[in-house]
Amino acid sequence: MAGNQCRIDQYFENVNEKMRTLFLFIALTLGFSVSVLSQKKVTWEMLKKVTFTEEYDPDYGAMFKYPKFSGDIKALDGEEVVIRGFLVPIDIEAGMFALSANPYTSCFFCGKAGPETVVELELGTDSRYLGMKMDEIMTFRGTFRTNSDDVLKLIYILEGAEVYYGN
């Protein structure tokens, strides 16, 4: 009887181990799925929902256009998003890049589009090693931020930006 009890205990021990492994697998899969699905896809059409007011800035002694964001754009502030566009190197050695709705020859920096057509990419220090090229069409993921105060930065910023290879 003691031998049978030992085999039964061993059987349930094996079943419990398999159940724990299955539970862990399901939990990790669901966690990954929720993380991937929680990213919002941002389009350039969405980012057009902004107006500008011209105001004098006493610190610079000049007039600047300050953005007034729509409710849709304000709702994206702080959210993890995915956006696709044309890469525009600003200062490659410093790891400064922007993502544009248009190729470089038609972008904001050439005066052919508005500031709502570019997103500042905060890539981190190793971005210069990614081998990214001007006008390369790329998708990035990061935390979306709006900027209505700092005239030295773009109005849209992607914090913690990283190249995104998903759909």
Foldseek 3Di string as FASTA:
>chain_A
DVVVVVVVVVVVVVVVVVVVVVVVVVVVVVVVVCVVVQAAEDELVQLVQKDWDWDADPVVRDIDTFIDHDPSLVVLAFGKYKYKAWKAADDLQQLWIKGFNDAPCQGVVVVNDDLSGIETEPADDCNSVPPDDGRDIFMKIARWHADRDDPVHGRIYGPNIDTDDDD
